[in-house]
Amino acid sequence: MTTTTHSSVDINYTELAQKIKLWGKELGFAEVGITDIDLSEHEAQLQRWLDNGYHGEMEYMAAHGMKRARPAELVPGTQRVISVKMNYLPPDASFARALKSKQTAYISRYALGRDYHKVIRNRLKKLGQRIEQEVGQFGFRPFVDSAPVLERQLAEKAGLGWRGKNSLLIHKQAGSWFFLGELFVDLPLPVDNNPQQEGCGKCNACMTLCPTGAIVEPYVVDARKCISYLTIELQGPIPEQYRPLLGNRVYGCDDCQLVCPWNRYGQLTDEQDFHPRKQLKDQELLNLFQWDEETFLKHTEGSPIRRIGHERWLRNLAVGLGNAQPDAQIIEALEARLESASELVREHISWALTQQRSKQAQQQRKQARLIRIIEKGLPRDA
């Protein structure tokens, strides 16, 4: 955080807060809220989540202790957090069509465009600079899902929505198809005291329809079971019991949002950066599996997908191919990559080959049985 030189005596903070929200809208944020930094009520729940091991291999979740719930420990001098949201739902998201086609790779819709971390962080930095033009040098620091910050809890306090049973932030006029970002500031701005009332009620759709049962109780997700964790955060092999449940989801999962009734109000994004890249959206699993590392890096430049690397990309695609309809071309492609693949990828290719050959044999048995039935019904001289 930069050194503060502003004089609070000269600043009308109420007017400044109104201007900040206006400037935020001009920078493309759908909504801007301001909150204090007291998150003490969430510390016990955070500790229980960590004690239960629900963070899996994400050691960074535990590395900072309670600093995640104490913004002033993360950035000394912080007095307020400016919380923002930015819509990312693209036109023609084609959720159902992509998920129904077992041969098509499903990529979470947030990841089809440019990496949101860079987009939002740059806008937050510009917001901080715009405030600086108004008040002189002050302390600020932007965050976008990149530091120990309880961003959903902060956004909830700032009036940007409520945390749903799937743990995501939900807004009554926008569903949950939006990103969050925060600007930590050392200004004593007036806070927004208009929290949205929790709107989940008795609805448990996200819990009931999660493919892997990752939402273990309302508002609590066991990351170790979550498809987003398994395909993005997990470094090693995907546990075998979850592989069939991944279906064709090769990067992230949107199921708990797709079944949420509030997402009928989802707002389309105006950001061209978040519009899907044609080389990623609704592509055949087989086509993506045939990318070499150079092609992968080329097509994922500036994309959040690049962070998993080519090896885990192939791991995820191998699982998707194992879950696809039996296809001789798939078996051929898996066999062709088997010997040259890393140990991690080879394990998942072997699993996929077992699945494909089993389904192919089952299909052949069905065809043979059908032929016998037809032959029995034909006249002797037919």
Protein backbone atom coordinates (compact mmCIF):
# COMPACT_ATOMS: atom_id res chain seq x y z
CA MET A 1 0.00 0.00 0.00
CA THR A 2 1.34 3.44 -0.93
CA THR A 3 2.19 6.05 1.68
CA THR A 4 -0.69 8.29 2.70
CA THR A 5 -0.26 12.06 2.36
CA HIS A 6 -3.89 13.16 2.06
CA SER A 7 -5.51 15.37 4.67
CA SER A 8 -8.81 13.94 5.90
CA VAL A 9 -9.88 17.44 6.93
CA ASP A 10 -10.12 18.50 3.29
CA ILE A 11 -12.13 15.50 2.06
CA ASN A 12 -15.89 15.08 1.97
CA TYR A 13 -15.98 11.29 2.23
CA THR A 14 -19.70 10.99 1.53
CA GLU A 15 -19.29 12.77 -1.79
CA LEU A 16 -16.12 10.81 -2.52
CA ALA A 17 -17.94 7.49 -1.97
CA GLN A 18 -20.61 8.53 -4.48
CA LYS A 19 -17.95 9.50 -7.00
CA ILE A 20 -16.13 6.20 -6.49
CA LYS A 21 -19.28 4.29 -7.42
CA LEU A 22 -19.74 6.44 -10.51
CA TRP A 23 -16.13 5.99 -11.57
CA GLY A 24 -16.46 2.26 -10.99
CA LYS A 25 -19.45 2.05 -13.32
CA GLU A 26 -17.50 4.03 -15.93
CA LEU A 27 -14.70 1.47 -15.69
CA GLY A 28 -17.12 -1.36 -16.46
CA PHE A 29 -18.03 -2.65 -13.01
CA ALA A 30 -21.66 -3.69 -12.74
CA GLU A 31 -21.83 -2.65 -9.10
CA VAL A 32 -19.59 -1.08 -6.46
CA GLY A 33 -20.00 -1.33 -2.67
CA ILE A 34 -17.97 -0.16 0.32
CA THR A 35 -17.54 -2.08 3.57
CA ASP A 36 -15.56 -1.99 6.78
CA ILE A 37 -12.96 -4.66 7.47
CA ASP A 38 -14.50 -6.51 10.43
CA LEU A 39 -14.85 -10.16 9.37
CA SER A 40 -14.46 -11.65 12.84
CA GLU A 41 -17.82 -13.44 12.62
CA HIS A 42 -16.43 -15.63 9.82
CA GLU A 43 -13.23 -16.74 11.53
CA ALA A 44 -14.68 -19.78 13.31
CA GLN A 45 -16.29 -21.12 10.12
CA LEU A 46 -13.06 -20.60 8.18
CA GLN A 47 -11.11 -22.50 10.83
CA ARG A 48 -13.62 -25.40 10.79
CA TRP A 49 -13.37 -25.59 6.99
CA LEU A 50 -9.59 -25.79 7.20
CA ASP A 51 -9.64 -28.26 10.12
CA ASN A 52 -11.89 -30.56 8.07
CA GLY A 53 -9.34 -30.54 5.27
CA TYR A 54 -11.90 -29.23 2.79
CA HIS A 55 -9.19 -27.13 1.11
CA GLY A 56 -7.47 -30.27 -0.18
CA GLU A 57 -4.07 -29.52 -1.74
CA MET A 58 -4.68 -25.76 -1.66
CA GLU A 59 -2.13 -25.17 1.10
CA TYR A 60 -2.22 -21.44 0.43
CA MET A 61 -5.70 -21.43 1.99
CA ALA A 62 -4.21 -22.40 5.34
CA ALA A 63 -0.79 -20.76 5.00
CA HIS A 64 -1.89 -17.31 6.16
CA GLY A 65 -3.97 -18.41 9.15
CA MET A 66 -6.67 -15.89 10.02
CA LYS A 67 -5.05 -13.14 7.94
CA ARG A 68 -7.65 -14.01 5.30
CA ALA A 69 -10.33 -12.64 7.64
CA ARG A 70 -8.27 -9.67 8.80
CA PRO A 71 -7.64 -7.24 5.94
CA ALA A 72 -5.60 -4.86 8.10
CA GLU A 73 -3.11 -7.66 8.83
CA LEU A 74 -2.79 -8.41 5.14
CA VAL A 75 -2.36 -4.75 4.22
CA PRO A 76 -1.52 -2.58 7.25
CA GLY A 77 -3.39 0.69 7.30
CA THR A 78 -6.49 -0.63 5.53
CA GLN A 79 -9.70 1.00 6.80
CA ARG A 80 -12.21 0.11 4.08
CA VAL A 81 -12.65 -2.29 1.20
CA ILE A 82 -14.21 -1.18 -2.08
CA SER A 83 -15.83 -4.33 -3.45
CA VAL A 84 -16.78 -4.62 -7.14
CA LYS A 85 -18.47 -7.11 -9.41
CA MET A 86 -18.15 -7.55 -13.15
CA ASN A 87 -20.53 -9.69 -15.23
CA TYR A 88 -19.03 -12.43 -17.39
CA LEU A 89 -21.96 -14.41 -18.83
CA PRO A 90 -21.30 -14.49 -22.59
CA PRO A 91 -23.95 -14.39 -25.30
CA ASP A 92 -24.89 -17.85 -26.60
CA ALA A 93 -23.35 -19.65 -23.64
CA SER A 94 -24.87 -22.92 -25.02
CA PHE A 95 -24.67 -24.69 -21.66
CA ALA A 96 -27.14 -27.48 -22.35
CA ARG A 97 -25.92 -28.23 -25.87
CA ALA A 98 -22.32 -28.58 -24.73
CA LEU A 99 -23.08 -30.68 -21.65
CA LYS A 100 -25.40 -33.04 -23.54
CA SER A 101 -22.81 -33.83 -26.21
CA LYS A 102 -20.50 -36.40 -24.68
CA GLN A 103 -17.94 -35.89 -27.45
CA THR A 104 -17.70 -32.12 -26.81
CA ALA A 105 -15.35 -30.61 -24.23
CA TYR A 106 -17.13 -28.49 -21.65
CA ILE A 107 -15.10 -25.58 -20.26
CA SER A 108 -16.53 -23.42 -17.49
CA ARG A 109 -17.93 -20.31 -19.15
CA TYR A 110 -15.81 -17.94 -17.05
CA ALA A 111 -12.66 -19.39 -18.63
CA LEU A 112 -13.56 -19.13 -22.31
CA GLY A 113 -12.28 -15.57 -22.68
CA ARG A 114 -9.41 -13.51 -21.33
CA ASP A 115 -8.07 -14.11 -17.82
CA TYR A 116 -10.35 -12.09 -15.56
CA HIS A 117 -7.62 -11.55 -12.97
CA LYS A 118 -5.73 -9.22 -15.31
CA VAL A 119 -8.83 -7.44 -16.61
CA ILE A 120 -10.30 -6.61 -13.20
CA ARG A 121 -6.98 -5.86 -11.49
CA ASN A 122 -6.16 -3.29 -14.18
CA ARG A 123 -9.57 -1.64 -13.75
CA LEU A 124 -9.18 -1.57 -9.96
CA LYS A 125 -5.76 0.01 -10.33
CA LYS A 126 -7.30 2.68 -12.56
CA LEU A 127 -10.00 3.25 -9.95
CA GLY A 128 -7.34 3.75 -7.30
CA GLN A 129 -5.50 6.21 -9.54
CA ARG A 130 -8.72 8.10 -10.21
CA ILE A 131 -9.32 8.44 -6.46
CA GLU A 132 -5.74 9.62 -6.11
CA GLN A 133 -6.37 12.41 -8.62
CA GLU A 134 -9.21 13.53 -6.36
CA VAL A 135 -7.64 13.29 -2.89
CA GLY A 136 -3.90 13.18 -3.47
CA GLN A 137 -1.64 10.25 -2.68
CA PHE A 138 -3.28 7.62 -0.47
CA GLY A 139 -2.87 3.96 0.36
CA PHE A 140 -4.60 1.43 -1.90
CA ARG A 141 -4.03 -2.10 -3.17
CA PRO A 142 -6.15 -4.12 -5.62
CA PHE A 143 -6.93 -7.83 -5.25
CA VAL A 144 -8.65 -10.28 -7.59
CA ASP A 145 -8.78 -13.84 -6.22
CA SER A 146 -5.01 -13.71 -5.80
CA ALA A 147 -4.36 -13.22 -2.08
CA PRO A 148 -5.74 -14.36 1.29
CA VAL A 149 -8.97 -12.36 1.06
CA LEU A 150 -12.50 -13.46 2.01
CA GLU A 151 -13.87 -11.74 -1.06
CA ARG A 152 -17.40 -13.16 -0.95
CA GLN A 153 -17.85 -12.20 2.68
CA LEU A 154 -16.57 -8.69 1.94
CA ALA A 155 -18.85 -8.38 -1.08
CA GLU A 156 -21.79 -9.58 1.02
CA LYS A 157 -21.08 -6.91 3.64
CA ALA A 158 -20.81 -4.33 0.85
CA GLY A 159 -24.33 -5.18 -0.32
CA LEU A 160 -23.39 -6.93 -3.57
CA GLY A 161 -25.41 -10.06 -2.82
CA TRP A 162 -25.63 -12.97 -0.38
CA ARG A 163 -23.63 -16.16 -0.14
CA GLY A 164 -25.76 -18.99 -1.49
CA LYS A 165 -25.78 -22.60 -0.39
CA ASN A 166 -23.24 -23.32 -3.14
CA SER A 167 -20.96 -20.77 -1.36
CA LEU A 168 -21.07 -18.40 -4.37
CA LEU A 169 -22.32 -14.84 -4.12
CA ILE A 170 -25.83 -14.43 -5.56
CA HIS A 171 -27.56 -11.19 -6.52
CA LYS A 172 -31.33 -10.91 -6.95
CA GLN A 173 -31.01 -8.98 -10.21
CA ALA A 174 -27.92 -10.72 -11.59
CA GLY A 175 -27.73 -14.30 -10.31
CA SER A 176 -24.10 -15.36 -9.82
CA TRP A 177 -22.51 -14.95 -13.25
CA PHE A 178 -20.03 -12.31 -12.17
CA PHE A 179 -16.47 -11.90 -10.92
CA LEU A 180 -15.47 -10.11 -7.74
CA GLY A 181 -12.58 -7.79 -6.99
CA GLU A 182 -11.45 -5.64 -4.08
CA LEU A 183 -9.60 -2.38 -3.57
CA PHE A 184 -8.15 -2.07 -0.07
CA VAL A 185 -7.93 1.62 0.91
CA ASP A 186 -6.80 3.61 3.93
CA LEU A 187 -9.65 6.11 3.61
CA PRO A 188 -12.46 6.25 6.24
CA LEU A 189 -15.21 6.11 3.63
CA PRO A 190 -18.86 5.70 4.70
CA VAL A 191 -19.88 2.06 4.42
CA ASP A 192 -22.92 0.60 2.70
CA ASN A 193 -25.42 -0.75 5.21
CA ASN A 194 -27.83 -2.35 2.75
CA PRO A 195 -27.06 -6.10 2.78
CA GLN A 196 -29.24 -8.24 0.52
CA GLN A 197 -31.51 -10.63 2.35
CA GLU A 198 -30.55 -14.30 1.93
CA GLY A 199 -32.70 -15.65 -0.89
CA CYS A 200 -32.02 -19.40 -1.05
CA GLY A 201 -34.86 -20.29 1.31
CA LYS A 202 -35.66 -24.00 1.20
CA CYS A 203 -34.10 -24.50 -2.24
CA ASN A 204 -31.37 -27.18 -2.26
CA ALA A 205 -31.03 -27.60 -6.03
CA CYS A 206 -27.29 -26.91 -6.05
CA MET A 207 -26.68 -29.43 -3.28
CA THR A 208 -28.89 -32.11 -4.80
CA LEU A 209 -27.61 -31.81 -8.37
CA CYS A 210 -23.88 -31.31 -7.78
CA PRO A 211 -22.41 -34.23 -9.82
CA THR A 212 -19.94 -35.22 -7.08
CA GLY A 213 -21.84 -34.17 -3.96
CA ALA A 214 -19.23 -31.52 -3.15
CA ILE A 215 -21.66 -29.22 -1.30
CA VAL A 216 -21.57 -31.20 1.92
CA GLU A 217 -23.88 -28.88 3.84
CA PRO A 218 -25.48 -25.51 3.11
CA TYR A 219 -22.79 -22.89 2.37
CA VAL A 220 -19.96 -25.45 2.73
CA VAL A 221 -18.04 -26.97 -0.21
CA ASP A 222 -15.57 -29.81 0.19
CA ALA A 223 -13.12 -28.75 -2.49
CA ARG A 224 -11.69 -32.28 -2.69
CA LYS A 225 -14.92 -33.42 -4.35
CA CYS A 226 -15.54 -30.32 -6.47
CA ILE A 227 -15.04 -30.72 -10.24
CA SER A 228 -13.51 -27.24 -10.46
CA TYR A 229 -10.91 -28.26 -7.88
CA LEU A 230 -10.31 -31.66 -9.47
CA THR A 231 -9.73 -30.21 -12.94
CA ILE A 232 -7.89 -27.00 -11.98
CA GLU A 233 -6.29 -27.07 -8.53
CA LEU A 234 -5.45 -30.75 -8.09
CA GLN A 235 -1.87 -31.43 -9.15
CA GLY A 236 -1.89 -35.22 -9.20
CA PRO A 237 -4.22 -37.97 -10.38
CA ILE A 238 -7.97 -37.41 -10.30
CA PRO A 239 -9.40 -40.00 -7.86
CA GLU A 240 -10.92 -42.85 -9.85
CA GLN A 241 -14.30 -42.66 -8.15
CA TYR A 242 -14.81 -39.14 -9.50
CA ARG A 243 -13.65 -39.69 -13.09
CA PRO A 244 -16.97 -40.99 -14.46
CA LEU A 245 -18.77 -38.11 -12.70
CA LEU A 246 -16.71 -35.49 -14.54
CA GLY A 247 -18.44 -36.39 -17.80
CA ASN A 248 -17.09 -34.02 -20.46
CA ARG A 249 -16.13 -31.24 -18.03
CA VAL A 250 -12.44 -30.67 -18.69
CA TYR A 251 -11.92 -27.29 -16.99
CA GLY A 252 -14.16 -26.20 -14.15
CA CYS A 253 -17.86 -26.80 -13.66
CA ASP A 254 -20.96 -24.59 -13.80
CA ASP A 255 -23.60 -27.06 -12.60
CA CYS A 256 -24.37 -25.43 -9.24
CA GLN A 257 -24.97 -22.15 -11.06
CA LEU A 258 -26.96 -23.68 -13.91
CA VAL A 259 -29.54 -25.15 -11.52
CA CYS A 260 -29.82 -22.00 -9.37
CA PRO A 261 -33.24 -20.35 -9.92
CA TRP A 262 -31.73 -16.89 -9.43
CA ASN A 263 -29.60 -17.29 -12.52
CA ARG A 264 -32.64 -16.78 -14.72
CA TYR A 265 -31.77 -13.14 -14.05
CA GLY A 266 -28.15 -13.52 -15.15
CA GLN A 267 -26.92 -10.46 -17.03
CA LEU A 268 -24.88 -10.73 -20.21
CA THR A 269 -21.44 -9.18 -20.12
CA ASP A 270 -20.50 -6.07 -22.09
CA GLU A 271 -16.84 -7.00 -21.90
CA GLN A 272 -15.47 -8.29 -25.19
CA ASP A 273 -12.55 -9.78 -23.23
CA PHE A 274 -14.95 -12.28 -21.66
CA HIS A 275 -16.50 -13.41 -24.94
CA PRO A 276 -15.57 -17.01 -25.85
CA ARG A 277 -12.61 -17.87 -28.03
CA LYS A 278 -13.72 -20.06 -30.91
CA GLN A 279 -10.75 -22.42 -30.45
CA LEU A 280 -11.99 -23.23 -26.91
CA LYS A 281 -15.79 -23.10 -27.00
CA ASP A 282 -17.66 -26.32 -27.77
CA GLN A 283 -14.70 -28.05 -29.37
CA GLU A 284 -14.51 -31.81 -29.76
CA LEU A 285 -12.62 -33.56 -26.97
CA LEU A 286 -10.61 -35.41 -29.59
CA ASN A 287 -9.48 -32.20 -31.30
CA LEU A 288 -8.27 -30.64 -28.04
CA PHE A 289 -6.51 -33.85 -26.99
CA GLN A 290 -4.41 -33.72 -30.13
CA TRP A 291 -2.91 -30.32 -29.31
CA ASP A 292 0.81 -30.45 -28.63
CA GLU A 293 2.23 -28.16 -25.95
CA GLU A 294 3.06 -25.41 -28.43
CA THR A 295 -0.52 -25.36 -29.73
CA PHE A 296 -1.87 -25.41 -26.17
CA LEU A 297 0.24 -22.40 -25.20
CA LYS A 298 -0.75 -20.53 -28.36
CA HIS A 299 -4.50 -21.04 -27.91
CA THR A 300 -4.48 -20.36 -24.16
CA GLU A 301 -2.36 -17.21 -24.23
CA GLY A 302 -3.97 -14.69 -21.86
CA SER A 303 -6.46 -17.36 -20.73
CA PRO A 304 -6.92 -18.69 -17.17
CA ILE A 305 -6.67 -22.20 -18.64
CA ARG A 306 -2.94 -21.81 -19.22
CA ARG A 307 -2.24 -22.02 -15.48
CA ILE A 308 -2.94 -25.78 -15.37
CA GLY A 309 -0.32 -26.48 -18.04
CA HIS A 310 -0.39 -28.91 -20.95
CA GLU A 311 0.10 -32.01 -18.82
CA ARG A 312 -3.02 -31.51 -16.66
CA TRP A 313 -4.93 -30.34 -19.76
CA LEU A 314 -4.24 -33.78 -21.30
CA ARG A 315 -5.09 -35.49 -17.99
CA ASN A 316 -8.52 -33.84 -17.93
CA LEU A 317 -9.18 -34.51 -21.62
CA ALA A 318 -8.24 -38.16 -21.23
CA VAL A 319 -10.94 -38.50 -18.57
CA GLY A 320 -13.42 -36.77 -20.87
CA LEU A 321 -12.52 -39.15 -23.70
CA GLY A 322 -13.00 -42.11 -21.39
CA ASN A 323 -16.51 -40.83 -20.62
CA ALA A 324 -17.34 -40.18 -24.30
CA GLN A 325 -19.38 -42.46 -26.54
CA PRO A 326 -17.36 -45.44 -27.81
CA ASP A 327 -15.40 -44.39 -30.86
CA ALA A 328 -12.60 -46.14 -32.73
CA GLN A 329 -10.92 -42.79 -33.43
CA ILE A 330 -10.81 -42.01 -29.72
CA ILE A 331 -9.20 -45.37 -28.94
CA GLU A 332 -6.67 -44.78 -31.71
CA ALA A 333 -5.79 -41.29 -30.41
CA LEU A 334 -5.43 -42.52 -26.83
CA GLU A 335 -3.20 -45.39 -27.89
CA ALA A 336 -1.08 -43.06 -30.03
CA ARG A 337 -0.26 -40.81 -27.08
CA LEU A 338 0.10 -43.52 -24.45
CA GLU A 339 3.82 -44.28 -24.75
CA SER A 340 5.06 -40.68 -24.98
CA ALA A 341 2.80 -39.35 -22.20
CA SER A 342 3.98 -38.48 -18.70
CA GLU A 343 3.25 -40.91 -15.89
CA LEU A 344 0.33 -38.74 -14.75
CA VAL A 345 -1.26 -38.55 -18.20
CA ARG A 346 -0.53 -42.22 -18.96
CA GLU A 347 -2.52 -43.29 -15.91
CA HIS A 348 -5.59 -41.39 -17.13
CA ILE A 349 -5.16 -42.57 -20.74
CA SER A 350 -5.04 -46.18 -19.53
CA TRP A 351 -8.23 -45.61 -17.56
CA ALA A 352 -9.88 -44.00 -20.58
CA LEU A 353 -8.87 -46.88 -22.85
CA THR A 354 -10.42 -49.35 -20.40
CA GLN A 355 -13.66 -47.35 -20.44
CA GLN A 356 -13.74 -47.02 -24.21
CA ARG A 357 -12.96 -50.68 -24.89
CA SER A 358 -15.53 -51.80 -22.33
CA LYS A 359 -18.23 -49.64 -23.93
CA GLN A 360 -17.18 -50.73 -27.40
CA ALA A 361 -17.42 -54.42 -26.41
CA GLN A 362 -20.81 -53.79 -24.83
CA GLN A 363 -21.99 -52.06 -27.99
CA GLN A 364 -20.78 -54.99 -30.10
CA ARG A 365 -22.61 -57.49 -27.87
CA LYS A 366 -25.82 -55.48 -28.24
CA GLN A 367 -25.45 -55.42 -32.01
CA ALA A 368 -24.77 -59.18 -32.13
CA ARG A 369 -27.82 -59.87 -29.95
CA LEU A 370 -29.97 -57.67 -32.19
CA ILE A 371 -28.77 -59.53 -35.29
CA ARG A 372 -29.63 -62.88 -33.70
CA ILE A 373 -33.12 -61.63 -32.81
CA ILE A 374 -33.67 -60.40 -36.37
CA GLU A 375 -32.35 -63.65 -37.88
CA LYS A 376 -34.66 -65.76 -35.72
CA GLY A 377 -37.64 -63.86 -37.02
CA LEU A 378 -36.76 -64.17 -40.70
CA PRO A 379 -38.30 -66.87 -43.01
CA ARG A 380 -35.96 -69.81 -43.75
CA ASP A 381 -35.63 -68.86 -47.42
CA ALA A 382 -34.98 -65.15 -46.73
